[in-house]
């Protein structure tokens, strides 16, 4: 004889609870709002104003020279000797690399020329001076 028992039917919840998803979304939004200005800052340099084309090369390196005459290669502080060695290596291994030179507008002209001489000595033929767009 078969046994007859009534099983309690389980009610399935077909709605998704949106509260944890909304909490996660707001936390991510707040995180991005706080961290984006920090990422955008980089090195504080007042670039000279001028009209120029957009920068679109895929293989690029950046040299920055701030008002305190501190050199940075891709946002990493370097000495003049380290910059010369790095540029010589880039000139030998990857001659198609474009080097962007960012220098503060209040620096003496000779300081920028010294950086460009390092690039010339390393046989880097693609270089550009970065300026701020005219308004």
C-alpha atoms as a PDB file:
ATOM      1  CA  UNK A   1       0.000   0.000   0.000  1.00  0.00           C
ATOM      2  CA  UNK A   2       1.303   3.379  -0.956  1.00  0.00           C
ATOM      3  CA  UNK A   3       1.923   5.863   1.697  1.00  0.00           C
ATOM      4  CA  UNK A   4       0.189   9.180   1.356  1.00  0.00           C
ATOM      5  CA  UNK A   5       1.923  12.116   2.954  1.00  0.00           C
ATOM      6  CA  UNK A   6       1.436  15.700   2.172  1.00  0.00           C
ATOM      7  CA  UNK A   7       4.680  17.429   1.451  1.00  0.00           C
ATOM      8  CA  UNK A   8       4.826  21.056   2.286  1.00  0.00           C
ATOM      9  CA  UNK A   9       5.036  22.886  -0.999  1.00  0.00           C
ATOM     10  CA  UNK A  10       7.988  25.215  -1.207  1.00  0.00           C
ATOM     11  CA  UNK A  11       7.237  28.685  -2.488  1.00  0.00           C
ATOM     12  CA  UNK A  12       9.867  29.852  -4.910  1.00  0.00           C
ATOM     13  CA  UNK A  13      10.851  33.468  -4.905  1.00  0.00           C
ATOM     14  CA  UNK A  14      10.867  34.709  -8.453  1.00  0.00           C
ATOM     15  CA  UNK A  15      11.881  38.315  -7.679  1.00  0.00           C
ATOM     16  CA  UNK A  16      15.480  39.431  -7.398  1.00  0.00           C
ATOM     17  CA  UNK A  17      16.348  41.355  -4.288  1.00  0.00           C
ATOM     18  CA  UNK A  18      17.708  44.664  -5.645  1.00  0.00           C
ATOM     19  CA  UNK A  19      18.928  46.145  -2.353  1.00  0.00           C
ATOM     20  CA  UNK A  20      22.407  44.500  -2.309  1.00  0.00           C
ATOM     21  CA  UNK A  21      22.872  45.313  -5.994  1.00  0.00           C
ATOM     22  CA  UNK A  22      22.018  48.976  -5.420  1.00  0.00           C
ATOM     23  CA  UNK A  23      24.363  49.121  -2.419  1.00  0.00           C
ATOM     24  CA  UNK A  24      27.197  47.719  -4.498  1.00  0.00           C
ATOM     25  CA  UNK A  25      26.476  50.176  -7.311  1.00  0.00           C
ATOM     26  CA  UNK A  26      26.585  53.165  -4.986  1.00  0.00           C
ATOM     27  CA  UNK A  27      29.809  51.986  -3.348  1.00  0.00           C
ATOM     28  CA  UNK A  28      31.488  51.613  -6.748  1.00  0.00           C
ATOM     29  CA  UNK A  29      30.213  55.015  -7.854  1.00  0.00           C
ATOM     30  CA  UNK A  30      31.539  56.716  -4.740  1.00  0.00           C
ATOM     31  CA  UNK A  31      34.888  54.927  -5.122  1.00  0.00           C
ATOM     32  CA  UNK A  32      35.284  56.129  -8.716  1.00  0.00           C
ATOM     33  CA  UNK A  33      34.251  59.672  -7.820  1.00  0.00           C
ATOM     34  CA  UNK A  34      36.898  59.820  -5.094  1.00  0.00           C
ATOM     35  CA  UNK A  35      39.763  58.147  -6.986  1.00  0.00           C
ATOM     36  CA  UNK A  36      39.373  59.686 -10.466  1.00  0.00           C
ATOM     37  CA  UNK A  37      40.770  63.126  -9.567  1.00  0.00           C
ATOM     38  CA  UNK A  38      43.787  61.458  -7.952  1.00  0.00           C
ATOM     39  CA  UNK A  39      44.508  59.438 -11.090  1.00  0.00           C
ATOM     40  CA  UNK A  40      44.055  62.455 -13.361  1.00  0.00           C
ATOM     41  CA  UNK A  41      46.478  64.683 -11.447  1.00  0.00           C
ATOM     42  CA  UNK A  42      49.787  62.992 -12.175  1.00  0.00           C
ATOM     43  CA  UNK A  43      52.657  65.476 -11.998  1.00  0.00           C
ATOM     44  CA  UNK A  44      51.766  69.126 -11.425  1.00  0.00           C
ATOM     45  CA  UNK A  45      53.072  70.996 -14.458  1.00  0.00           C
ATOM     46  CA  UNK A  46      51.768  74.253 -15.893  1.00  0.00           C
ATOM     47  CA  UNK A  47      52.051  73.563 -19.605  1.00  0.00           C
ATOM     48  CA  UNK A  48      52.446  76.423 -22.068  1.00  0.00           C
ATOM     49  CA  UNK A  49      49.397  77.242 -24.178  1.00  0.00           C
ATOM     50  CA  UNK A  50      49.397  76.613 -27.896  1.00  0.00           C
ATOM     51  CA  UNK A  51      47.553  75.041 -30.787  1.00  0.00           C
ATOM     52  CA  UNK A  52      48.581  71.503 -31.644  1.00  0.00           C
ATOM     53  CA  UNK A  53      47.253  68.251 -33.050  1.00  0.00           C
ATOM     54  CA  UNK A  54      45.920  65.443 -30.873  1.00  0.00           C
ATOM     55  CA  UNK A  55      48.367  62.810 -29.593  1.00  0.00           C
ATOM     56  CA  UNK A  56      47.452  59.453 -31.138  1.00  0.00           C
ATOM     57  CA  UNK A  57      50.569  57.285 -31.371  1.00  0.00           C
ATOM     58  CA  UNK A  58      50.337  53.826 -29.827  1.00  0.00           C
ATOM     59  CA  UNK A  59      53.972  53.500 -28.721  1.00  0.00           C
ATOM     60  CA  UNK A  60      54.689  56.523 -26.575  1.00  0.00           C
ATOM     61  CA  UNK A  61      56.795  57.508 -23.588  1.00  0.00           C
ATOM     62  CA  UNK A  62      56.483  60.680 -21.575  1.00  0.00           C
ATOM     63  CA  UNK A  63      59.201  62.835 -20.027  1.00  0.00           C
ATOM     64  CA  UNK A  64      58.056  65.482 -17.558  1.00  0.00           C
ATOM     65  CA  UNK A  65      60.099  68.326 -16.116  1.00  0.00           C
ATOM     66  CA  UNK A  66      58.481  70.285 -13.314  1.00  0.00           C
ATOM     67  CA  UNK A  67      59.318  73.734 -11.946  1.00  0.00           C
ATOM     68  CA  UNK A  68      61.715  72.210  -9.383  1.00  0.00           C
ATOM     69  CA  UNK A  69      63.699  70.721 -12.316  1.00  0.00           C
ATOM     70  CA  UNK A  70      62.771  67.156 -11.332  1.00  0.00           C
ATOM     71  CA  UNK A  71      62.694  64.693 -14.225  1.00  0.00           C
ATOM     72  CA  UNK A  72      60.014  62.017 -14.577  1.00  0.00           C
ATOM     73  CA  UNK A  73      59.917  59.203 -17.100  1.00  0.00           C
ATOM     74  CA  UNK A  74      56.314  58.011 -17.387  1.00  0.00           C
ATOM     75  CA  UNK A  75      55.477  59.514 -13.962  1.00  0.00           C
ATOM     76  CA  UNK A  76      58.463  57.810 -12.274  1.00  0.00           C
ATOM     77  CA  UNK A  77      61.158  60.131 -10.860  1.00  0.00           C
ATOM     78  CA  UNK A  78      64.554  59.647 -12.557  1.00  0.00           C
ATOM     79  CA  UNK A  79      67.919  61.366 -12.544  1.00  0.00           C
ATOM     80  CA  UNK A  80      69.487  62.819 -15.690  1.00  0.00           C
ATOM     81  CA  UNK A  81      71.837  59.827 -15.999  1.00  0.00           C
ATOM     82  CA  UNK A  82      68.982  57.329 -15.625  1.00  0.00           C
ATOM     83  CA  UNK A  83      67.019  59.223 -18.270  1.00  0.00           C
ATOM     84  CA  UNK A  84      69.986  59.103 -20.666  1.00  0.00           C
ATOM     85  CA  UNK A  85      70.366  55.345 -20.189  1.00  0.00           C
ATOM     86  CA  UNK A  86      66.633  54.686 -20.599  1.00  0.00           C
ATOM     87  CA  UNK A  87      66.426  56.818 -23.745  1.00  0.00           C
ATOM     88  CA  UNK A  88      69.512  55.123 -25.230  1.00  0.00           C
ATOM     89  CA  UNK A  89      67.870  51.748 -24.642  1.00  0.00           C
ATOM     90  CA  UNK A  90      64.618  52.918 -26.216  1.00  0.00           C
ATOM     91  CA  UNK A  91      66.514  54.410 -29.168  1.00  0.00           C
ATOM     92  CA  UNK A  92      68.284  51.109 -29.838  1.00  0.00           C
ATOM     93  CA  UNK A  93      65.430  48.676 -29.184  1.00  0.00           C
ATOM     94  CA  UNK A  94      62.353  50.545 -30.394  1.00  0.00           C
ATOM     95  CA  UNK A  95      63.111  53.479 -32.721  1.00  0.00           C
ATOM     96  CA  UNK A  96      59.414  54.029 -33.589  1.00  0.00           C
ATOM     97  CA  UNK A  97      58.565  55.133 -30.058  1.00  0.00           C
ATOM     98  CA  UNK A  98      57.339  58.716 -29.782  1.00  0.00           C
ATOM     99  CA  UNK A  99      58.562  60.650 -26.751  1.00  0.00           C
ATOM    100  CA  UNK A 100      56.367  63.462 -25.418  1.00  0.00           C
ATOM    101  CA  UNK A 101      58.190  66.178 -23.494  1.00  0.00           C
ATOM    102  CA  UNK A 102      56.104  67.978 -20.884  1.00  0.00           C
ATOM    103  CA  UNK A 103      57.813  70.964 -19.257  1.00  0.00           C
ATOM    104  CA  UNK A 104      56.559  73.727 -16.997  1.00  0.00           C
ATOM    105  CA  UNK A 105      56.028  77.027 -18.817  1.00  0.00           C
ATOM    106  CA  UNK A 106      58.126  78.972 -16.303  1.00  0.00           C
ATOM    107  CA  UNK A 107      61.259  76.874 -16.793  1.00  0.00           C
ATOM    108  CA  UNK A 108      64.219  78.437 -18.589  1.00  0.00           C
ATOM    109  CA  UNK A 109      64.479  77.437 -22.228  1.00  0.00           C
ATOM    110  CA  UNK A 110      67.857  75.801 -21.621  1.00  0.00           C
ATOM    111  CA  UNK A 111      66.359  73.182 -19.303  1.00  0.00           C
ATOM    112  CA  UNK A 112      63.986  71.957 -22.011  1.00  0.00           C
ATOM    113  CA  UNK A 113      66.765  71.992 -24.593  1.00  0.00           C
ATOM    114  CA  UNK A 114      68.896  69.816 -22.292  1.00  0.00           C
ATOM    115  CA  UNK A 115      66.144  67.184 -22.220  1.00  0.00           C
ATOM    116  CA  UNK A 116      65.777  67.349 -25.993  1.00  0.00           C
ATOM    117  CA  UNK A 117      69.556  66.935 -26.360  1.00  0.00           C
ATOM    118  CA  UNK A 118      69.329  63.688 -24.359  1.00  0.00           C
ATOM    119  CA  UNK A 119      66.703  62.489 -26.857  1.00  0.00           C
ATOM    120  CA  UNK A 120      68.845  63.548 -29.810  1.00  0.00           C
ATOM    121  CA  UNK A 121      71.901  61.769 -28.401  1.00  0.00           C
ATOM    122  CA  UNK A 122      69.822  58.595 -27.997  1.00  0.00           C
ATOM    123  CA  UNK A 123      68.834  58.753 -31.717  1.00  0.00           C
ATOM    124  CA  UNK A 124      65.149  59.216 -30.924  1.00  0.00           C
ATOM    125  CA  UNK A 125      63.669  60.878 -33.978  1.00  0.00           C
ATOM    126  CA  UNK A 126      60.026  61.129 -32.923  1.00  0.00           C
ATOM    127  CA  UNK A 127      59.538  63.695 -30.177  1.00  0.00           C
ATOM    128  CA  UNK A 128      56.887  66.271 -29.426  1.00  0.00           C
ATOM    129  CA  UNK A 129      56.456  69.141 -26.978  1.00  0.00           C
ATOM    130  CA  UNK A 130      53.152  68.893 -25.117  1.00  0.00           C
ATOM    131  CA  UNK A 131      51.152  72.102 -24.716  1.00  0.00           C
ATOM    132  CA  UNK A 132      47.818  73.041 -23.180  1.00  0.00           C
ATOM    133  CA  UNK A 133      45.008  73.751 -25.639  1.00  0.00           C
ATOM    134  CA  UNK A 134      44.093  77.380 -26.302  1.00  0.00           C
ATOM    135  CA  UNK A 135      40.688  78.326 -24.981  1.00  0.00           C
END
